[in-house]
N, C-alpha and C. Protein backbone atom coordinates (compact mmCIF):
# COMPACT_ATOMS: atom_id res chain seq x y z
N UNK A 1 -24.86 -5.80 -15.01
CA UNK A 1 -23.97 -4.85 -14.37
C UNK A 1 -22.59 -5.45 -14.19
N UNK A 2 -22.52 -6.67 -13.77
CA UNK A 2 -21.25 -7.31 -13.48
C UNK A 2 -20.55 -7.70 -14.78
N UNK A 3 -19.50 -6.95 -15.15
CA UNK A 3 -18.81 -7.27 -16.39
C UNK A 3 -17.49 -8.00 -16.14
N UNK A 4 -17.40 -8.68 -15.03
CA UNK A 4 -16.23 -9.50 -14.73
C UNK A 4 -16.62 -10.94 -15.01
N UNK A 5 -15.80 -11.65 -15.78
CA UNK A 5 -16.14 -13.06 -16.03
C UNK A 5 -15.12 -13.98 -15.37
N UNK A 6 -15.34 -15.27 -15.49
CA UNK A 6 -14.51 -16.26 -14.79
C UNK A 6 -13.06 -16.28 -15.28
N UNK A 7 -12.79 -15.77 -16.46
CA UNK A 7 -11.42 -15.79 -17.00
C UNK A 7 -10.63 -14.56 -16.60
N UNK A 8 -11.26 -13.61 -15.97
CA UNK A 8 -10.57 -12.38 -15.60
C UNK A 8 -9.66 -12.59 -14.40
N UNK A 9 -8.67 -11.73 -14.29
CA UNK A 9 -7.75 -11.75 -13.17
C UNK A 9 -8.48 -11.42 -11.87
N UNK A 10 -9.51 -10.59 -11.96
CA UNK A 10 -10.28 -10.16 -10.80
C UNK A 10 -11.71 -10.66 -10.92
N UNK A 11 -11.95 -11.92 -10.55
CA UNK A 11 -13.31 -12.46 -10.64
C UNK A 11 -14.23 -11.79 -9.63
N UNK A 12 -15.50 -11.88 -9.88
CA UNK A 12 -16.49 -11.28 -8.98
C UNK A 12 -16.46 -12.02 -7.65
N UNK A 13 -15.79 -11.45 -6.68
CA UNK A 13 -15.68 -12.08 -5.37
C UNK A 13 -16.74 -11.56 -4.41
N UNK A 14 -17.34 -10.44 -4.78
CA UNK A 14 -18.33 -9.85 -3.89
C UNK A 14 -19.67 -10.54 -4.08
N UNK A 15 -20.32 -10.77 -2.95
CA UNK A 15 -21.64 -11.38 -2.96
C UNK A 15 -22.48 -10.65 -1.93
N UNK A 16 -23.76 -10.77 -2.05
CA UNK A 16 -24.64 -10.16 -1.07
C UNK A 16 -25.42 -9.01 -1.65
N UNK A 17 -26.21 -8.38 -0.80
CA UNK A 17 -27.14 -7.35 -1.27
C UNK A 17 -26.46 -6.11 -1.85
N UNK A 18 -25.23 -5.85 -1.46
CA UNK A 18 -24.55 -4.64 -1.94
C UNK A 18 -23.53 -4.94 -3.03
N UNK A 19 -23.47 -6.16 -3.51
CA UNK A 19 -22.44 -6.56 -4.47
C UNK A 19 -22.50 -5.74 -5.75
N UNK A 20 -23.69 -5.60 -6.32
CA UNK A 20 -23.80 -4.82 -7.56
C UNK A 20 -23.42 -3.37 -7.35
N UNK A 21 -23.81 -2.82 -6.21
CA UNK A 21 -23.48 -1.43 -5.91
C UNK A 21 -21.97 -1.27 -5.74
N UNK A 22 -21.35 -2.23 -5.07
CA UNK A 22 -19.89 -2.19 -4.89
C UNK A 22 -19.18 -2.25 -6.25
N UNK A 23 -19.62 -3.15 -7.11
CA UNK A 23 -19.02 -3.26 -8.44
C UNK A 23 -19.24 -1.99 -9.25
N UNK A 24 -20.40 -1.35 -9.07
CA UNK A 24 -20.67 -0.10 -9.76
C UNK A 24 -19.67 0.98 -9.33
N UNK A 25 -19.41 1.06 -8.03
CA UNK A 25 -18.45 2.05 -7.53
C UNK A 25 -17.03 1.72 -7.99
N UNK A 26 -16.67 0.46 -8.03
CA UNK A 26 -15.35 0.07 -8.54
C UNK A 26 -15.21 0.47 -10.00
N UNK A 27 -16.23 0.17 -10.79
CA UNK A 27 -16.21 0.54 -12.22
C UNK A 27 -16.16 2.05 -12.38
N UNK A 28 -16.89 2.77 -11.54
CA UNK A 28 -16.89 4.23 -11.60
C UNK A 28 -15.49 4.79 -11.35
N UNK A 29 -14.83 4.28 -10.32
CA UNK A 29 -13.48 4.73 -10.00
C UNK A 29 -12.53 4.46 -11.16
N UNK A 30 -12.59 3.24 -11.69
CA UNK A 30 -11.70 2.89 -12.79
C UNK A 30 -11.97 3.74 -14.03
N UNK A 31 -13.24 4.02 -14.31
CA UNK A 31 -13.58 4.89 -15.45
C UNK A 31 -12.97 6.27 -15.28
N UNK A 32 -13.04 6.80 -14.05
CA UNK A 32 -12.45 8.11 -13.77
C UNK A 32 -10.94 8.11 -13.99
N UNK A 33 -10.32 6.94 -13.83
CA UNK A 33 -8.87 6.80 -14.06
C UNK A 33 -8.55 6.42 -15.51
N UNK A 34 -9.60 6.24 -16.32
CA UNK A 34 -9.39 5.92 -17.74
C UNK A 34 -9.31 4.43 -18.05
N UNK A 35 -9.83 3.59 -17.16
CA UNK A 35 -9.78 2.14 -17.36
C UNK A 35 -11.16 1.53 -17.18
N UNK A 36 -11.27 0.29 -17.59
CA UNK A 36 -12.46 -0.51 -17.29
C UNK A 36 -11.98 -1.73 -16.50
N UNK A 37 -12.92 -2.44 -15.90
CA UNK A 37 -12.55 -3.63 -15.13
C UNK A 37 -11.87 -4.64 -16.04
N UNK A 38 -12.38 -4.80 -17.23
CA UNK A 38 -11.80 -5.77 -18.17
C UNK A 38 -10.37 -5.40 -18.56
N UNK A 39 -10.06 -4.13 -18.66
CA UNK A 39 -8.72 -3.70 -19.05
C UNK A 39 -7.67 -3.99 -17.99
N UNK A 40 -8.08 -4.24 -16.76
CA UNK A 40 -7.11 -4.55 -15.71
C UNK A 40 -6.30 -5.79 -16.06
N UNK A 41 -6.91 -6.72 -16.77
CA UNK A 41 -6.21 -7.95 -17.15
C UNK A 41 -5.05 -7.71 -18.10
N UNK A 42 -5.11 -6.60 -18.83
CA UNK A 42 -4.06 -6.30 -19.81
C UNK A 42 -2.92 -5.47 -19.22
N UNK A 43 -3.09 -5.02 -17.99
CA UNK A 43 -2.07 -4.19 -17.35
C UNK A 43 -1.06 -5.06 -16.61
N UNK A 44 0.13 -4.50 -16.37
CA UNK A 44 1.10 -5.23 -15.53
C UNK A 44 0.50 -5.50 -14.15
N UNK A 45 0.88 -6.61 -13.56
CA UNK A 45 0.32 -7.04 -12.28
C UNK A 45 0.36 -5.95 -11.21
N UNK A 46 1.48 -5.27 -11.08
CA UNK A 46 1.59 -4.26 -10.02
C UNK A 46 0.61 -3.11 -10.25
N UNK A 47 0.47 -2.69 -11.48
CA UNK A 47 -0.44 -1.59 -11.77
C UNK A 47 -1.90 -2.00 -11.59
N UNK A 48 -2.26 -3.19 -12.07
CA UNK A 48 -3.64 -3.64 -11.93
C UNK A 48 -3.99 -3.86 -10.46
N UNK A 49 -3.04 -4.37 -9.68
CA UNK A 49 -3.27 -4.57 -8.25
C UNK A 49 -3.46 -3.23 -7.55
N UNK A 50 -2.62 -2.27 -7.89
CA UNK A 50 -2.73 -0.93 -7.30
C UNK A 50 -4.08 -0.30 -7.63
N UNK A 51 -4.47 -0.36 -8.89
CA UNK A 51 -5.75 0.22 -9.30
C UNK A 51 -6.93 -0.47 -8.63
N UNK A 52 -6.88 -1.79 -8.54
CA UNK A 52 -7.98 -2.51 -7.92
C UNK A 52 -8.04 -2.23 -6.43
N UNK A 53 -6.90 -2.08 -5.79
CA UNK A 53 -6.87 -1.73 -4.37
C UNK A 53 -7.49 -0.37 -4.16
N UNK A 54 -7.08 0.60 -4.98
CA UNK A 54 -7.64 1.95 -4.88
C UNK A 54 -9.14 1.94 -5.16
N UNK A 55 -9.56 1.20 -6.17
CA UNK A 55 -10.97 1.13 -6.53
C UNK A 55 -11.78 0.49 -5.41
N UNK A 56 -11.23 -0.53 -4.78
CA UNK A 56 -11.92 -1.19 -3.68
C UNK A 56 -12.05 -0.27 -2.47
N UNK A 57 -11.01 0.48 -2.20
CA UNK A 57 -11.07 1.45 -1.10
C UNK A 57 -12.11 2.53 -1.40
N UNK A 58 -12.14 3.00 -2.63
CA UNK A 58 -13.13 3.99 -3.05
C UNK A 58 -14.54 3.43 -2.86
N UNK A 59 -14.76 2.19 -3.30
CA UNK A 59 -16.08 1.57 -3.18
C UNK A 59 -16.47 1.41 -1.71
N UNK A 60 -15.53 1.02 -0.88
CA UNK A 60 -15.81 0.87 0.55
C UNK A 60 -16.21 2.19 1.18
N UNK A 61 -15.49 3.24 0.81
CA UNK A 61 -15.82 4.58 1.31
C UNK A 61 -17.22 5.01 0.87
N UNK A 62 -17.53 4.80 -0.40
CA UNK A 62 -18.83 5.18 -0.93
C UNK A 62 -19.96 4.40 -0.26
N UNK A 63 -19.74 3.09 -0.03
CA UNK A 63 -20.75 2.28 0.65
C UNK A 63 -20.93 2.73 2.10
N UNK A 64 -19.84 3.05 2.76
CA UNK A 64 -19.92 3.54 4.14
C UNK A 64 -20.67 4.87 4.19
N UNK A 65 -20.41 5.73 3.23
CA UNK A 65 -21.11 7.02 3.16
C UNK A 65 -22.61 6.79 2.96
N UNK A 66 -22.95 5.89 2.08
CA UNK A 66 -24.35 5.57 1.80
C UNK A 66 -25.04 5.02 3.06
N UNK A 67 -24.36 4.13 3.76
CA UNK A 67 -24.92 3.55 4.98
C UNK A 67 -25.08 4.61 6.07
N UNK A 68 -24.11 5.52 6.18
CA UNK A 68 -24.19 6.59 7.17
C UNK A 68 -25.36 7.52 6.89
N UNK A 69 -25.54 7.86 5.63
CA UNK A 69 -26.67 8.71 5.26
C UNK A 69 -28.00 8.03 5.57
N UNK A 70 -28.11 6.74 5.27
CA UNK A 70 -29.34 6.01 5.55
C UNK A 70 -29.61 5.95 7.05
N UNK A 71 -28.56 5.71 7.83
CA UNK A 71 -28.70 5.66 9.29
C UNK A 71 -29.14 7.03 9.82
N UNK A 72 -28.53 8.09 9.33
CA UNK A 72 -28.89 9.44 9.77
C UNK A 72 -30.33 9.76 9.39
N UNK A 73 -30.70 9.39 8.18
CA UNK A 73 -32.08 9.63 7.72
C UNK A 73 -33.07 8.89 8.61
N UNK A 74 -32.76 7.66 8.98
CA UNK A 74 -33.63 6.89 9.87
C UNK A 74 -33.72 7.52 11.25
N UNK A 75 -32.60 8.02 11.77
CA UNK A 75 -32.59 8.67 13.08
C UNK A 75 -33.43 9.94 13.05
N UNK A 76 -33.28 10.72 12.00
CA UNK A 76 -34.07 11.96 11.87
C UNK A 76 -35.56 11.61 11.76
N UNK A 77 -35.87 10.60 10.98
CA UNK A 77 -37.25 10.19 10.83
C UNK A 77 -37.83 9.69 12.16
N UNK A 78 -37.02 8.93 12.89
CA UNK A 78 -37.45 8.40 14.18
C UNK A 78 -37.70 9.54 15.18
N UNK A 79 -36.83 10.52 15.23
CA UNK A 79 -36.98 11.67 16.14
C UNK A 79 -38.21 12.47 15.78
N UNK A 80 -38.45 12.68 14.49
CA UNK A 80 -39.60 13.48 14.06
C UNK A 80 -40.92 12.77 14.33
N UNK A 81 -40.89 11.43 14.44
CA UNK A 81 -42.09 10.66 14.75
C UNK A 81 -42.40 10.67 16.24
N UNK A 82 -41.41 10.98 17.06
CA UNK A 82 -41.59 10.92 18.52
C UNK A 82 -42.29 12.12 19.06
C-alpha cells in the first residue's frame, strides 16, 4: 500500500495502526486531484506542499469521521445491550 520510498520528498512519516489507512486517504485525495504521491516530487515545492497539506487534512477528516462512526456504533450497541 505504501508507495512512498526513502528518496521521495514526502517519506512515510506516519506510523501506527492507522498509518496504512491514512496513506490510503492521502492517495485517494491526490488521485481525485489528478496526482499520485510519487508525482509530488516532480512538482514545484509550493504546489507539492499545498497538495500534501490538503491531502493530510482530508485524511485527518476521514479518520475522524471513521472514529466517530465507530464510537457511535459502540454507544448504540452498548445501549441496546442494557
